[in-house]
Amino acid sequence: CKTKSKHNPSCFCGLIPAPGSFRTKGLWQKDLGSQASSNDPNDLRREDSSPRGLLNLGNTCYMNSALQCMFMMPSFRQAMLLLEPGLAHQPIVRELREVFLALAASPKRVVDPSAFAEALMLDNTIQQDGTEFFMLLLDKLKEVFLARSSDKV
């Protein structure tokens, strides 16, 4: 476009910096400084209060999003961390619990959820729908909990 119009939603002039230049703020800034994140699972967190992330195993962002959502529900997180020993030995429950423990207490910046993905037999080369994954995971957990409660009766 010949005119830079910030009021025209179809005009992209000026959004991308010219070759060899950079912006001091926002997405195109040259030095991200403390905002830059590393995916190295061995990196330690700078301070204890900083959050932990989940390592992307390929096309597993849908799984990571569901895990982060579940972890951020205090009652669900507490229930998983305080499970009785019999339930904690089920592979899916055990690995979900391990991910939650690592998200809660690991000194590392990034938590590796690969054991959890293996317990679910996920193919990390295939992108899946996050909502469908979340519902399937809840169904699997429900099956484990119902089977355990029927064993007690």
N, C-alpha and C. Protein backbone atom coordinates (compact mmCIF):
# COMPACT_ATOMS: atom_id res chain seq x y z
N CYS A 1 0.84 -1.19 0.00
CA CYS A 1 0.00 0.00 0.00
C CYS A 1 0.88 1.24 0.00
N LYS A 2 0.35 2.30 -0.55
CA LYS A 2 1.14 3.52 -0.67
C LYS A 2 0.97 4.44 0.53
N THR A 3 -0.17 4.36 1.17
CA THR A 3 -0.40 5.20 2.34
C THR A 3 -0.48 4.32 3.58
N LYS A 4 0.20 4.74 4.62
CA LYS A 4 0.16 3.99 5.87
C LYS A 4 -1.06 4.45 6.66
N SER A 5 -2.05 3.65 6.67
CA SER A 5 -3.29 4.01 7.36
C SER A 5 -3.52 3.04 8.51
N LYS A 6 -3.37 3.52 9.73
CA LYS A 6 -3.58 2.65 10.88
C LYS A 6 -5.06 2.35 11.11
N HIS A 7 -5.93 3.05 10.40
CA HIS A 7 -7.37 2.82 10.55
C HIS A 7 -7.91 1.84 9.52
N ASN A 8 -7.08 1.45 8.56
CA ASN A 8 -7.50 0.51 7.52
C ASN A 8 -7.09 -0.90 7.96
N PRO A 9 -8.06 -1.79 8.26
CA PRO A 9 -7.72 -3.13 8.73
C PRO A 9 -7.03 -4.00 7.68
N SER A 10 -7.09 -3.61 6.42
CA SER A 10 -6.44 -4.37 5.35
C SER A 10 -5.01 -3.92 5.10
N CYS A 11 -4.57 -2.86 5.73
CA CYS A 11 -3.23 -2.31 5.49
C CYS A 11 -2.24 -2.89 6.49
N PHE A 12 -1.22 -3.54 5.97
CA PHE A 12 -0.19 -4.12 6.83
C PHE A 12 1.12 -3.33 6.79
N CYS A 13 1.10 -2.18 6.16
CA CYS A 13 2.30 -1.36 6.07
C CYS A 13 2.76 -0.95 7.47
N GLY A 14 4.00 -1.07 7.72
CA GLY A 14 4.55 -0.63 8.99
C GLY A 14 4.45 -1.66 10.11
N LEU A 15 3.77 -2.78 9.89
CA LEU A 15 3.68 -3.78 10.94
C LEU A 15 4.96 -4.57 11.09
N ILE A 16 5.59 -4.88 9.96
CA ILE A 16 6.83 -5.64 9.98
C ILE A 16 7.97 -4.67 9.77
N PRO A 17 8.98 -4.73 10.63
CA PRO A 17 10.10 -3.80 10.47
C PRO A 17 10.85 -4.03 9.15
N ALA A 18 11.45 -2.98 8.65
CA ALA A 18 12.24 -3.08 7.43
C ALA A 18 13.43 -4.01 7.66
N PRO A 19 13.93 -4.65 6.60
CA PRO A 19 15.09 -5.55 6.76
C PRO A 19 16.26 -4.81 7.42
N GLY A 20 16.87 -5.48 8.42
CA GLY A 20 18.01 -4.90 9.12
C GLY A 20 17.62 -3.99 10.28
N SER A 21 16.34 -3.72 10.46
CA SER A 21 15.93 -2.87 11.58
C SER A 21 15.18 -3.71 12.60
N PHE A 22 14.82 -3.10 13.72
CA PHE A 22 14.08 -3.80 14.75
C PHE A 22 13.25 -2.80 15.53
N ARG A 23 12.34 -3.31 16.30
CA ARG A 23 11.51 -2.48 17.16
C ARG A 23 12.00 -2.62 18.59
N THR A 24 11.73 -1.63 19.40
CA THR A 24 12.17 -1.70 20.80
C THR A 24 11.13 -2.35 21.70
N LYS A 25 9.90 -2.50 21.23
CA LYS A 25 8.85 -3.11 22.02
C LYS A 25 8.09 -4.12 21.18
N GLY A 26 7.42 -5.05 21.86
CA GLY A 26 6.52 -5.96 21.18
C GLY A 26 7.19 -7.14 20.53
N LEU A 27 6.46 -7.76 19.64
CA LEU A 27 6.85 -9.01 19.01
C LEU A 27 8.17 -8.91 18.26
N TRP A 28 8.44 -7.80 17.64
CA TRP A 28 9.62 -7.68 16.79
C TRP A 28 10.83 -7.09 17.50
N GLN A 29 10.79 -7.00 18.82
CA GLN A 29 11.93 -6.41 19.51
C GLN A 29 13.18 -7.27 19.32
N LYS A 30 14.31 -6.61 19.27
CA LYS A 30 15.57 -7.30 18.97
C LYS A 30 16.03 -8.15 20.15
N ASP A 31 16.00 -7.63 21.36
CA ASP A 31 16.48 -8.34 22.53
C ASP A 31 15.29 -8.65 23.44
N LEU A 32 14.91 -9.92 23.53
CA LEU A 32 13.77 -10.28 24.36
C LEU A 32 14.12 -10.32 25.84
N GLY A 33 15.39 -10.38 26.16
CA GLY A 33 15.83 -10.34 27.55
C GLY A 33 15.17 -11.42 28.39
N SER A 34 14.52 -11.01 29.48
CA SER A 34 13.95 -11.97 30.42
C SER A 34 12.71 -12.65 29.87
N GLN A 35 12.14 -12.14 28.76
CA GLN A 35 10.95 -12.76 28.20
C GLN A 35 11.29 -14.01 27.39
N ALA A 36 12.54 -14.15 27.00
CA ALA A 36 12.90 -15.30 26.18
C ALA A 36 12.77 -16.57 27.01
N SER A 37 12.22 -17.59 26.42
CA SER A 37 12.07 -18.85 27.14
C SER A 37 12.91 -19.92 26.47
N SER A 38 13.36 -20.84 27.28
CA SER A 38 14.15 -21.94 26.78
C SER A 38 13.34 -23.22 26.91
N ASN A 39 13.49 -24.10 25.97
CA ASN A 39 12.83 -25.39 26.05
C ASN A 39 13.76 -26.46 26.60
N ASP A 40 14.93 -26.08 27.10
CA ASP A 40 15.85 -27.04 27.67
C ASP A 40 15.30 -27.51 29.01
N PRO A 41 14.95 -28.80 29.14
CA PRO A 41 14.37 -29.28 30.38
C PRO A 41 15.32 -29.20 31.57
N ASN A 42 16.61 -28.96 31.32
CA ASN A 42 17.56 -28.88 32.42
C ASN A 42 17.76 -27.48 32.96
N ASP A 43 17.20 -26.47 32.29
CA ASP A 43 17.31 -25.11 32.79
C ASP A 43 16.58 -24.97 34.11
N LEU A 44 17.21 -24.27 35.06
CA LEU A 44 16.59 -24.04 36.35
C LEU A 44 15.81 -22.73 36.33
N ARG A 45 14.79 -22.67 37.17
CA ARG A 45 14.01 -21.44 37.26
C ARG A 45 14.83 -20.37 37.96
N ARG A 46 14.59 -19.12 37.61
CA ARG A 46 15.33 -18.01 38.20
C ARG A 46 14.91 -17.75 39.63
N GLU A 47 13.63 -17.88 39.90
CA GLU A 47 13.11 -17.68 41.24
C GLU A 47 12.04 -18.71 41.52
N ASP A 48 11.83 -19.00 42.79
CA ASP A 48 10.92 -20.07 43.17
C ASP A 48 9.48 -19.81 42.77
N SER A 49 9.09 -18.55 42.67
CA SER A 49 7.70 -18.23 42.37
C SER A 49 7.40 -18.25 40.86
N SER A 50 8.41 -18.39 40.02
CA SER A 50 8.15 -18.38 38.58
C SER A 50 7.50 -19.71 38.16
N PRO A 51 6.59 -19.65 37.20
CA PRO A 51 5.88 -20.87 36.79
C PRO A 51 6.76 -21.82 36.00
N ARG A 52 6.31 -23.04 35.92
CA ARG A 52 6.99 -24.06 35.12
C ARG A 52 6.18 -24.31 33.86
N GLY A 53 6.87 -24.65 32.80
CA GLY A 53 6.18 -24.97 31.56
C GLY A 53 6.25 -26.46 31.28
N LEU A 54 5.61 -26.88 30.21
CA LEU A 54 5.63 -28.28 29.79
C LEU A 54 6.36 -28.39 28.46
N LEU A 55 7.23 -29.35 28.36
CA LEU A 55 8.00 -29.58 27.14
C LEU A 55 7.05 -30.04 26.03
N ASN A 56 7.17 -29.42 24.86
CA ASN A 56 6.38 -29.85 23.71
C ASN A 56 7.09 -31.03 23.07
N LEU A 57 6.40 -32.14 22.98
CA LEU A 57 6.99 -33.38 22.47
C LEU A 57 6.80 -33.55 20.97
N GLY A 58 6.38 -32.53 20.32
CA GLY A 58 6.06 -32.58 18.88
C GLY A 58 4.76 -31.85 18.68
N ASN A 59 3.72 -32.57 18.39
CA ASN A 59 2.38 -31.99 18.26
C ASN A 59 1.58 -32.25 19.52
N THR A 60 2.10 -31.85 20.66
CA THR A 60 1.42 -32.13 21.93
C THR A 60 0.96 -30.87 22.65
N CYS A 61 0.84 -29.77 21.96
CA CYS A 61 0.39 -28.55 22.62
C CYS A 61 -1.02 -28.72 23.19
N TYR A 62 -1.87 -29.50 22.51
CA TYR A 62 -3.22 -29.76 23.01
C TYR A 62 -3.17 -30.47 24.37
N MET A 63 -2.25 -31.44 24.52
CA MET A 63 -2.10 -32.16 25.78
C MET A 63 -1.55 -31.23 26.85
N ASN A 64 -0.54 -30.44 26.50
CA ASN A 64 0.05 -29.51 27.46
C ASN A 64 -0.97 -28.49 27.95
N SER A 65 -1.81 -28.00 27.05
CA SER A 65 -2.84 -27.04 27.45
C SER A 65 -3.82 -27.66 28.43
N ALA A 66 -4.25 -28.89 28.14
CA ALA A 66 -5.19 -29.58 29.04
C ALA A 66 -4.55 -29.83 30.40
N LEU A 67 -3.27 -30.25 30.41
CA LEU A 67 -2.58 -30.48 31.67
C LEU A 67 -2.45 -29.21 32.49
N GLN A 68 -2.11 -28.11 31.83
CA GLN A 68 -1.98 -26.83 32.54
C GLN A 68 -3.32 -26.39 33.10
N CYS A 69 -4.39 -26.56 32.33
CA CYS A 69 -5.73 -26.19 32.82
C CYS A 69 -6.10 -27.02 34.04
N MET A 70 -5.87 -28.33 33.97
CA MET A 70 -6.20 -29.20 35.09
C MET A 70 -5.36 -28.86 36.31
N PHE A 71 -4.10 -28.56 36.10
CA PHE A 71 -3.21 -28.21 37.21
C PHE A 71 -3.66 -26.92 37.89
N MET A 72 -4.19 -26.00 37.11
CA MET A 72 -4.60 -24.70 37.68
C MET A 72 -5.95 -24.75 38.39
N MET A 73 -6.60 -25.91 38.44
CA MET A 73 -7.82 -26.09 39.23
C MET A 73 -7.41 -26.60 40.60
N PRO A 74 -7.40 -25.73 41.63
CA PRO A 74 -6.87 -26.14 42.94
C PRO A 74 -7.48 -27.42 43.51
N SER A 75 -8.80 -27.58 43.41
CA SER A 75 -9.42 -28.77 44.00
C SER A 75 -9.01 -30.03 43.23
N PHE A 76 -8.92 -29.95 41.91
CA PHE A 76 -8.50 -31.12 41.12
C PHE A 76 -7.04 -31.45 41.41
N ARG A 77 -6.20 -30.42 41.45
CA ARG A 77 -4.78 -30.62 41.73
C ARG A 77 -4.59 -31.29 43.10
N GLN A 78 -5.28 -30.78 44.12
CA GLN A 78 -5.18 -31.36 45.46
C GLN A 78 -5.64 -32.81 45.47
N ALA A 79 -6.76 -33.09 44.79
CA ALA A 79 -7.28 -34.45 44.74
C ALA A 79 -6.26 -35.40 44.11
N MET A 80 -5.59 -34.96 43.04
CA MET A 80 -4.59 -35.81 42.39
C MET A 80 -3.37 -36.02 43.28
N LEU A 81 -2.96 -34.98 43.98
CA LEU A 81 -1.76 -35.09 44.80
C LEU A 81 -2.01 -35.89 46.08
N LEU A 82 -3.26 -35.96 46.53
CA LEU A 82 -3.58 -36.66 47.78
C LEU A 82 -4.27 -38.01 47.56
N LEU A 83 -4.12 -38.59 46.39
CA LEU A 83 -4.76 -39.86 46.09
C LEU A 83 -4.25 -40.98 46.99
N GLU A 84 -5.13 -41.94 47.25
CA GLU A 84 -4.72 -43.11 48.02
C GLU A 84 -3.74 -43.94 47.18
N PRO A 85 -2.86 -44.69 47.83
CA PRO A 85 -1.81 -45.42 47.11
C PRO A 85 -2.31 -46.36 46.01
N GLY A 86 -3.44 -47.04 46.21
CA GLY A 86 -3.94 -47.96 45.19
C GLY A 86 -4.25 -47.28 43.88
N LEU A 87 -4.83 -46.10 43.93
CA LEU A 87 -5.16 -45.36 42.72
C LEU A 87 -3.92 -44.78 42.06
N ALA A 88 -2.96 -44.41 42.87
CA ALA A 88 -1.75 -43.78 42.34
C ALA A 88 -0.88 -44.76 41.56
N HIS A 89 -1.20 -46.06 41.60
CA HIS A 89 -0.40 -47.03 40.86
C HIS A 89 -0.94 -47.28 39.45
N GLN A 90 -2.10 -46.78 39.12
CA GLN A 90 -2.63 -46.89 37.76
C GLN A 90 -1.74 -46.03 36.86
N PRO A 91 -1.27 -46.55 35.72
CA PRO A 91 -0.29 -45.81 34.90
C PRO A 91 -0.70 -44.38 34.55
N ILE A 92 -1.92 -44.19 34.09
CA ILE A 92 -2.34 -42.83 33.68
C ILE A 92 -2.39 -41.91 34.90
N VAL A 93 -2.95 -42.39 35.98
CA VAL A 93 -3.05 -41.59 37.20
C VAL A 93 -1.67 -41.31 37.77
N ARG A 94 -0.82 -42.33 37.80
CA ARG A 94 0.54 -42.16 38.34
C ARG A 94 1.30 -41.09 37.56
N GLU A 95 1.24 -41.17 36.22
CA GLU A 95 2.00 -40.21 35.41
C GLU A 95 1.41 -38.81 35.46
N LEU A 96 0.08 -38.71 35.53
CA LEU A 96 -0.55 -37.40 35.69
C LEU A 96 -0.13 -36.79 37.02
N ARG A 97 -0.10 -37.62 38.05
CA ARG A 97 0.34 -37.16 39.37
C ARG A 97 1.80 -36.70 39.34
N GLU A 98 2.64 -37.43 38.63
CA GLU A 98 4.05 -37.05 38.51
C GLU A 98 4.21 -35.70 37.81
N VAL A 99 3.41 -35.48 36.76
CA VAL A 99 3.45 -34.19 36.07
C VAL A 99 3.03 -33.09 37.03
N PHE A 100 1.95 -33.31 37.79
CA PHE A 100 1.48 -32.31 38.75
C PHE A 100 2.52 -32.04 39.83
N LEU A 101 3.16 -33.09 40.33
CA LEU A 101 4.21 -32.90 41.34
C LEU A 101 5.36 -32.08 40.78
N ALA A 102 5.75 -32.37 39.55
CA ALA A 102 6.83 -31.62 38.92
C ALA A 102 6.43 -30.17 38.68
N LEU A 103 5.19 -29.95 38.23
CA LEU A 103 4.72 -28.57 38.03
C LEU A 103 4.66 -27.81 39.34
N ALA A 104 4.38 -28.51 40.43
CA ALA A 104 4.27 -27.86 41.73
C ALA A 104 5.63 -27.62 42.38
N ALA A 105 6.58 -28.53 42.20
CA ALA A 105 7.78 -28.44 43.02
C ALA A 105 9.12 -28.58 42.31
N SER A 106 9.13 -28.79 41.03
CA SER A 106 10.40 -28.99 40.33
C SER A 106 11.23 -27.72 40.32
N PRO A 107 12.54 -27.85 40.49
CA PRO A 107 13.40 -26.67 40.37
C PRO A 107 13.65 -26.27 38.91
N LYS A 108 13.21 -27.11 37.99
CA LYS A 108 13.45 -26.86 36.57
C LYS A 108 12.36 -25.98 35.98
N ARG A 109 12.70 -25.28 34.90
CA ARG A 109 11.75 -24.39 34.21
C ARG A 109 10.75 -25.15 33.37
N VAL A 110 11.16 -26.32 32.88
CA VAL A 110 10.33 -27.08 31.96
C VAL A 110 10.15 -28.50 32.50
N VAL A 111 8.91 -28.97 32.49
CA VAL A 111 8.58 -30.32 32.94
C VAL A 111 8.38 -31.19 31.70
N ASP A 112 8.95 -32.38 31.72
CA ASP A 112 8.84 -33.31 30.59
C ASP A 112 7.64 -34.25 30.81
N PRO A 113 6.57 -34.12 30.00
CA PRO A 113 5.39 -34.97 30.17
C PRO A 113 5.42 -36.24 29.32
N SER A 114 6.60 -36.66 28.85
CA SER A 114 6.66 -37.79 27.92
C SER A 114 6.17 -39.10 28.54
N ALA A 115 6.41 -39.33 29.83
CA ALA A 115 5.92 -40.56 30.46
C ALA A 115 4.39 -40.56 30.50
N PHE A 116 3.80 -39.40 30.71
CA PHE A 116 2.34 -39.29 30.71
C PHE A 116 1.81 -39.58 29.30
N ALA A 117 2.44 -39.01 28.29
CA ALA A 117 2.02 -39.25 26.90
C ALA A 117 2.15 -40.73 26.55
N GLU A 118 3.21 -41.38 27.03
CA GLU A 118 3.39 -42.81 26.77
C GLU A 118 2.32 -43.63 27.47
N ALA A 119 1.95 -43.24 28.70
CA ALA A 119 0.90 -43.97 29.43
C ALA A 119 -0.42 -43.90 28.69
N LEU A 120 -0.65 -42.79 27.99
CA LEU A 120 -1.87 -42.64 27.19
C LEU A 120 -1.72 -43.20 25.78
N MET A 121 -0.50 -43.62 25.44
CA MET A 121 -0.19 -44.13 24.10
C MET A 121 -0.50 -43.09 23.02
N LEU A 122 -0.10 -41.84 23.28
CA LEU A 122 -0.32 -40.76 22.32
C LEU A 122 0.73 -40.79 21.23
N ASP A 123 0.33 -40.49 20.04
CA ASP A 123 1.24 -40.34 18.92
C ASP A 123 1.56 -38.85 18.80
N ASN A 124 2.78 -38.47 19.18
CA ASN A 124 3.12 -37.04 19.19
C ASN A 124 3.36 -36.46 17.81
N THR A 125 3.17 -37.26 16.76
CA THR A 125 3.32 -36.73 15.40
C THR A 125 1.99 -36.27 14.83
N ILE A 126 0.90 -36.53 15.56
CA ILE A 126 -0.43 -36.17 15.07
C ILE A 126 -1.03 -35.09 15.96
N GLN A 127 -1.42 -34.00 15.35
CA GLN A 127 -2.09 -32.92 16.07
C GLN A 127 -3.52 -33.35 16.37
N GLN A 128 -3.97 -33.12 17.59
CA GLN A 128 -5.33 -33.49 17.97
C GLN A 128 -6.05 -32.27 18.51
N ASP A 129 -7.35 -32.40 18.68
CA ASP A 129 -8.17 -31.33 19.21
C ASP A 129 -8.05 -31.30 20.73
N GLY A 130 -7.78 -30.14 21.30
CA GLY A 130 -7.59 -30.00 22.74
C GLY A 130 -8.81 -30.36 23.56
N THR A 131 -9.99 -29.92 23.11
CA THR A 131 -11.22 -30.21 23.84
C THR A 131 -11.53 -31.70 23.82
N GLU A 132 -11.36 -32.34 22.67
CA GLU A 132 -11.59 -33.77 22.59
C GLU A 132 -10.62 -34.53 23.48
N PHE A 133 -9.36 -34.12 23.47
CA PHE A 133 -8.36 -34.77 24.32
C PHE A 133 -8.74 -34.62 25.79
N PHE A 134 -9.13 -33.42 26.17
CA PHE A 134 -9.50 -33.16 27.56
C PHE A 134 -10.66 -34.07 27.98
N MET A 135 -11.68 -34.18 27.14
CA MET A 135 -12.83 -35.02 27.45
C MET A 135 -12.45 -36.50 27.51
N LEU A 136 -11.60 -36.96 26.59
CA LEU A 136 -11.15 -38.35 26.60
C LEU A 136 -10.32 -38.65 27.86
N LEU A 137 -9.48 -37.70 28.24
CA LEU A 137 -8.67 -37.89 29.45
C LEU A 137 -9.57 -37.98 30.68
N LEU A 138 -10.56 -37.11 30.78
CA LEU A 138 -11.49 -37.17 31.91
C LEU A 138 -12.27 -38.48 31.92
N ASP A 139 -12.65 -38.97 30.75
CA ASP A 139 -13.33 -40.27 30.66
C ASP A 139 -12.42 -41.40 31.15
N LYS A 140 -11.15 -41.37 30.75
CA LYS A 140 -10.19 -42.40 31.20
C LYS A 140 -10.03 -42.35 32.72
N LEU A 141 -9.90 -41.15 33.27
CA LEU A 141 -9.77 -41.01 34.72
C LEU A 141 -11.03 -41.51 35.43
N LYS A 142 -12.17 -41.20 34.86
CA LYS A 142 -13.44 -41.66 35.44
C LYS A 142 -13.48 -43.19 35.46
N GLU A 143 -13.06 -43.83 34.37
CA GLU A 143 -13.02 -45.29 34.31
C GLU A 143 -12.14 -45.87 35.43
N VAL A 144 -10.96 -45.27 35.62
CA VAL A 144 -10.05 -45.74 36.65
C VAL A 144 -10.68 -45.59 38.03
N PHE A 145 -11.27 -44.43 38.29
CA PHE A 145 -11.85 -44.18 39.61
C PHE A 145 -13.08 -45.05 39.86
N LEU A 146 -13.91 -45.24 38.84
CA LEU A 146 -15.09 -46.10 39.00
C LEU A 146 -14.69 -47.56 39.20
N ALA A 147 -13.70 -48.02 38.47
CA ALA A 147 -13.23 -49.40 38.62
C ALA A 147 -12.68 -49.60 40.02
N ARG A 148 -11.98 -48.63 40.53
CA ARG A 148 -11.40 -48.72 41.87
C ARG A 148 -12.50 -48.72 42.93
N SER A 149 -13.52 -47.88 42.76
CA SER A 149 -14.60 -47.82 43.76
C SER A 149 -15.44 -49.08 43.73
N SER A 150 -15.61 -49.72 42.55
CA SER A 150 -16.36 -50.97 42.49
C SER A 150 -15.57 -52.13 43.08
N ASP A 151 -14.23 -52.05 43.05
CA ASP A 151 -13.39 -53.08 43.69
C ASP A 151 -13.54 -53.07 45.20
N LYS A 152 -13.82 -51.91 45.76
CA LYS A 152 -13.94 -51.78 47.21
C LYS A 152 -15.28 -52.30 47.72
N VAL A 153 -16.30 -52.30 46.85
CA VAL A 153 -17.64 -52.69 47.27
C VAL A 153 -17.78 -54.17 47.41
